[in-house]
Amino acid sequence: MWLTKLKIAIIEKNADSLDKLLDDIPKLTKKAEIEEAIYLLEEASRVFSGLKDEVLKSMNQIQKNLQFLRSTDIPTSRNLDLMS
C-alpha cells in the first residue's frame, strides 16, 4: 500500500504527500519490495530536486519583475504639500 501511495505521489509530483510518506517509511521484508522502494525513493529525490529548481526559477523571475517595476516607478512626493 505504501509503495502504491509513493508511486502516486511521484506521478502527481505532490511534495506534501511525498514528505508525509518519507516520514513514515514502513519496514519492508521482501527483496522485490525493497528494490522497488529504492528505485522510487531515488525518483522522489529527483522530483524534489526538480521542484526546488522550479521554485528557484520562479523566485528569480519575481525578483526581476519587482526590480523592473521599481525602476519604472514614477517618483512622487510623500508629503502633502498644499502650498505649491
N, C-alpha and C. Protein backbone atom coordinates (compact mmCIF):
# COMPACT_ATOMS: atom_id res chain seq x y z
N MET A 1 0.82 -1.20 0.00
CA MET A 1 0.00 0.00 0.00
C MET A 1 0.87 1.26 0.00
N TRP A 2 1.93 1.26 0.84
CA TRP A 2 2.81 2.41 0.92
C TRP A 2 3.50 2.65 -0.41
N LEU A 3 3.93 1.58 -1.06
CA LEU A 3 4.60 1.73 -2.36
C LEU A 3 3.65 2.33 -3.40
N THR A 4 2.40 1.93 -3.37
CA THR A 4 1.41 2.47 -4.30
C THR A 4 1.20 3.96 -4.05
N LYS A 5 1.08 4.34 -2.79
CA LYS A 5 0.92 5.76 -2.45
C LYS A 5 2.14 6.56 -2.88
N LEU A 6 3.33 5.96 -2.72
CA LEU A 6 4.56 6.63 -3.13
C LEU A 6 4.59 6.83 -4.64
N LYS A 7 4.17 5.82 -5.38
CA LYS A 7 4.11 5.93 -6.85
C LYS A 7 3.18 7.07 -7.26
N ILE A 8 2.02 7.13 -6.64
CA ILE A 8 1.03 8.16 -6.98
C ILE A 8 1.58 9.55 -6.66
N ALA A 9 2.21 9.69 -5.51
CA ALA A 9 2.77 10.99 -5.11
C ALA A 9 3.86 11.42 -6.08
N ILE A 10 4.66 10.48 -6.56
CA ILE A 10 5.72 10.80 -7.52
C ILE A 10 5.12 11.23 -8.85
N ILE A 11 4.14 10.49 -9.32
CA ILE A 11 3.50 10.82 -10.60
C ILE A 11 2.84 12.19 -10.52
N GLU A 12 2.17 12.48 -9.41
CA GLU A 12 1.50 13.76 -9.24
C GLU A 12 2.47 14.89 -8.87
N LYS A 13 3.70 14.54 -8.55
CA LYS A 13 4.70 15.50 -8.06
C LYS A 13 4.15 16.27 -6.87
N ASN A 14 3.55 15.53 -5.96
CA ASN A 14 2.92 16.10 -4.78
C ASN A 14 3.92 16.09 -3.62
N ALA A 15 4.55 17.23 -3.38
CA ALA A 15 5.60 17.33 -2.37
C ALA A 15 5.07 17.05 -0.97
N ASP A 16 3.86 17.47 -0.67
CA ASP A 16 3.30 17.24 0.67
C ASP A 16 3.12 15.75 0.93
N SER A 17 2.55 15.04 -0.03
CA SER A 17 2.36 13.60 0.13
C SER A 17 3.69 12.87 0.22
N LEU A 18 4.64 13.28 -0.62
CA LEU A 18 5.96 12.66 -0.57
C LEU A 18 6.60 12.87 0.79
N ASP A 19 6.49 14.06 1.32
CA ASP A 19 7.07 14.36 2.62
C ASP A 19 6.46 13.48 3.71
N LYS A 20 5.14 13.35 3.70
CA LYS A 20 4.46 12.51 4.69
C LYS A 20 4.88 11.05 4.55
N LEU A 21 4.96 10.58 3.31
CA LEU A 21 5.33 9.18 3.09
C LEU A 21 6.78 8.92 3.50
N LEU A 22 7.65 9.87 3.25
CA LEU A 22 9.05 9.70 3.62
C LEU A 22 9.26 9.75 5.13
N ASP A 23 8.37 10.42 5.83
CA ASP A 23 8.44 10.45 7.30
C ASP A 23 7.98 9.14 7.92
N ASP A 24 7.22 8.36 7.15
CA ASP A 24 6.61 7.15 7.69
C ASP A 24 6.94 5.93 6.81
N ILE A 25 8.22 5.68 6.58
CA ILE A 25 8.64 4.55 5.75
C ILE A 25 8.45 3.26 6.54
N PRO A 26 7.69 2.31 5.98
CA PRO A 26 7.48 1.04 6.69
C PRO A 26 8.69 0.12 6.55
N LYS A 27 8.73 -0.89 7.37
CA LYS A 27 9.80 -1.90 7.27
C LYS A 27 9.38 -2.90 6.19
N LEU A 28 10.16 -2.94 5.13
CA LEU A 28 9.87 -3.85 4.03
C LEU A 28 10.69 -5.12 4.19
N THR A 29 10.08 -6.27 3.89
CA THR A 29 10.76 -7.54 4.10
C THR A 29 11.09 -8.27 2.81
N LYS A 30 10.28 -8.11 1.79
CA LYS A 30 10.52 -8.81 0.54
C LYS A 30 11.57 -8.08 -0.30
N LYS A 31 12.44 -8.84 -0.93
CA LYS A 31 13.52 -8.26 -1.72
C LYS A 31 12.97 -7.39 -2.86
N ALA A 32 11.92 -7.85 -3.52
CA ALA A 32 11.34 -7.09 -4.63
C ALA A 32 10.78 -5.76 -4.15
N GLU A 33 10.14 -5.76 -2.99
CA GLU A 33 9.60 -4.52 -2.43
C GLU A 33 10.73 -3.55 -2.07
N ILE A 34 11.80 -4.08 -1.51
CA ILE A 34 12.93 -3.24 -1.12
C ILE A 34 13.56 -2.60 -2.36
N GLU A 35 13.75 -3.40 -3.41
CA GLU A 35 14.33 -2.86 -4.65
C GLU A 35 13.43 -1.81 -5.27
N GLU A 36 12.12 -2.06 -5.26
CA GLU A 36 11.17 -1.09 -5.80
C GLU A 36 11.18 0.19 -4.98
N ALA A 37 11.25 0.05 -3.66
CA ALA A 37 11.29 1.22 -2.78
C ALA A 37 12.54 2.04 -3.04
N ILE A 38 13.67 1.39 -3.23
CA ILE A 38 14.92 2.11 -3.52
C ILE A 38 14.77 2.92 -4.80
N TYR A 39 14.26 2.27 -5.84
CA TYR A 39 14.07 2.97 -7.11
C TYR A 39 13.12 4.15 -6.94
N LEU A 40 12.01 3.94 -6.24
CA LEU A 40 11.02 5.00 -6.06
C LEU A 40 11.58 6.14 -5.20
N LEU A 41 12.38 5.82 -4.20
CA LEU A 41 12.97 6.87 -3.37
C LEU A 41 13.97 7.70 -4.17
N GLU A 42 14.70 7.05 -5.06
CA GLU A 42 15.59 7.81 -5.94
C GLU A 42 14.79 8.74 -6.85
N GLU A 43 13.67 8.25 -7.35
CA GLU A 43 12.81 9.07 -8.20
C GLU A 43 12.20 10.21 -7.39
N ALA A 44 11.82 9.95 -6.16
CA ALA A 44 11.27 11.01 -5.29
C ALA A 44 12.32 12.09 -5.08
N SER A 45 13.57 11.69 -4.92
CA SER A 45 14.65 12.66 -4.77
C SER A 45 14.76 13.53 -6.01
N ARG A 46 14.63 12.93 -7.19
CA ARG A 46 14.67 13.71 -8.44
C ARG A 46 13.49 14.67 -8.52
N VAL A 47 12.33 14.23 -8.07
CA VAL A 47 11.14 15.09 -8.07
C VAL A 47 11.36 16.30 -7.17
N PHE A 48 11.87 16.06 -5.96
CA PHE A 48 12.15 17.17 -5.05
C PHE A 48 13.17 18.13 -5.65
N SER A 49 14.17 17.58 -6.28
CA SER A 49 15.20 18.42 -6.90
C SER A 49 14.58 19.27 -8.02
N GLY A 50 13.73 18.66 -8.83
CA GLY A 50 13.06 19.39 -9.91
C GLY A 50 12.15 20.48 -9.37
N LEU A 51 11.41 20.17 -8.33
CA LEU A 51 10.52 21.17 -7.73
C LEU A 51 11.33 22.32 -7.13
N LYS A 52 12.45 21.98 -6.52
CA LYS A 52 13.33 23.01 -5.96
C LYS A 52 13.83 23.94 -7.06
N ASP A 53 14.22 23.37 -8.19
CA ASP A 53 14.70 24.18 -9.31
C ASP A 53 13.59 25.09 -9.85
N GLU A 54 12.37 24.55 -9.93
CA GLU A 54 11.24 25.35 -10.42
C GLU A 54 10.97 26.53 -9.48
N VAL A 55 11.01 26.28 -8.18
CA VAL A 55 10.77 27.34 -7.20
C VAL A 55 11.87 28.41 -7.31
N LEU A 56 13.11 27.97 -7.47
CA LEU A 56 14.22 28.92 -7.60
C LEU A 56 14.05 29.79 -8.85
N LYS A 57 13.65 29.19 -9.96
CA LYS A 57 13.41 29.96 -11.19
C LYS A 57 12.29 30.97 -10.98
N SER A 58 11.22 30.53 -10.33
CA SER A 58 10.09 31.43 -10.08
C SER A 58 10.49 32.59 -9.18
N MET A 59 11.27 32.30 -8.16
CA MET A 59 11.70 33.36 -7.26
C MET A 59 12.60 34.36 -7.98
N ASN A 60 13.49 33.87 -8.83
CA ASN A 60 14.34 34.78 -9.61
C ASN A 60 13.52 35.65 -10.54
N GLN A 61 12.50 35.06 -11.17
CA GLN A 61 11.65 35.83 -12.08
C GLN A 61 10.87 36.89 -11.31
N ILE A 62 10.39 36.55 -10.14
CA ILE A 62 9.66 37.53 -9.32
C ILE A 62 10.58 38.68 -8.94
N GLN A 63 11.82 38.37 -8.56
CA GLN A 63 12.77 39.43 -8.22
C GLN A 63 13.04 40.34 -9.41
N LYS A 64 13.20 39.76 -10.59
CA LYS A 64 13.41 40.56 -11.79
C LYS A 64 12.20 41.46 -12.07
N ASN A 65 11.02 40.90 -11.91
CA ASN A 65 9.80 41.68 -12.13
C ASN A 65 9.70 42.84 -11.14
N LEU A 66 10.01 42.57 -9.88
CA LEU A 66 9.98 43.63 -8.88
C LEU A 66 11.01 44.72 -9.18
N GLN A 67 12.20 44.32 -9.59
CA GLN A 67 13.22 45.31 -9.95
C GLN A 67 12.76 46.16 -11.13
N PHE A 68 12.13 45.53 -12.11
CA PHE A 68 11.64 46.28 -13.26
C PHE A 68 10.55 47.26 -12.83
N LEU A 69 9.62 46.79 -12.03
CA LEU A 69 8.53 47.66 -11.59
C LEU A 69 9.06 48.83 -10.76
N ARG A 70 10.04 48.57 -9.94
CA ARG A 70 10.62 49.65 -9.13
C ARG A 70 11.38 50.64 -9.99
N SER A 71 12.00 50.15 -11.05
CA SER A 71 12.76 51.06 -11.91
C SER A 71 11.85 51.94 -12.77
N THR A 72 10.63 51.50 -13.00
CA THR A 72 9.70 52.29 -13.82
C THR A 72 8.75 53.10 -12.96
N ASP A 73 8.89 53.02 -11.66
CA ASP A 73 8.01 53.75 -10.74
C ASP A 73 8.28 55.25 -10.86
N ILE A 74 7.23 56.02 -10.97
CA ILE A 74 7.34 57.47 -11.04
C ILE A 74 7.48 58.00 -9.63
N PRO A 75 8.56 58.73 -9.37
CA PRO A 75 8.74 59.26 -8.01
C PRO A 75 7.64 60.27 -7.68
N THR A 76 7.05 60.11 -6.57
CA THR A 76 6.02 61.04 -6.12
C THR A 76 6.41 61.54 -4.75
N SER A 77 5.91 62.69 -4.44
CA SER A 77 6.18 63.29 -3.13
C SER A 77 5.33 62.55 -2.10
N ARG A 78 5.96 62.20 -1.04
CA ARG A 78 5.26 61.50 0.03
C ARG A 78 4.61 62.50 1.00
N ASN A 79 4.91 63.77 0.82
CA ASN A 79 4.35 64.81 1.71
C ASN A 79 3.14 65.46 1.04
N LEU A 80 2.23 65.82 1.84
CA LEU A 80 1.06 66.55 1.35
C LEU A 80 1.40 68.04 1.40
N ASP A 81 1.74 68.59 0.23
CA ASP A 81 2.16 69.99 0.14
C ASP A 81 1.06 70.78 -0.53
N LEU A 82 0.27 71.46 0.26
CA LEU A 82 -0.87 72.21 -0.26
C LEU A 82 -0.50 73.62 -0.73
N MET A 83 0.68 74.11 -0.41
CA MET A 83 1.09 75.47 -0.75
C MET A 83 1.68 75.59 -2.15
N SER A 84 2.04 74.51 -2.78
CA SER A 84 2.69 74.58 -4.09
C SER A 84 1.70 74.79 -5.21
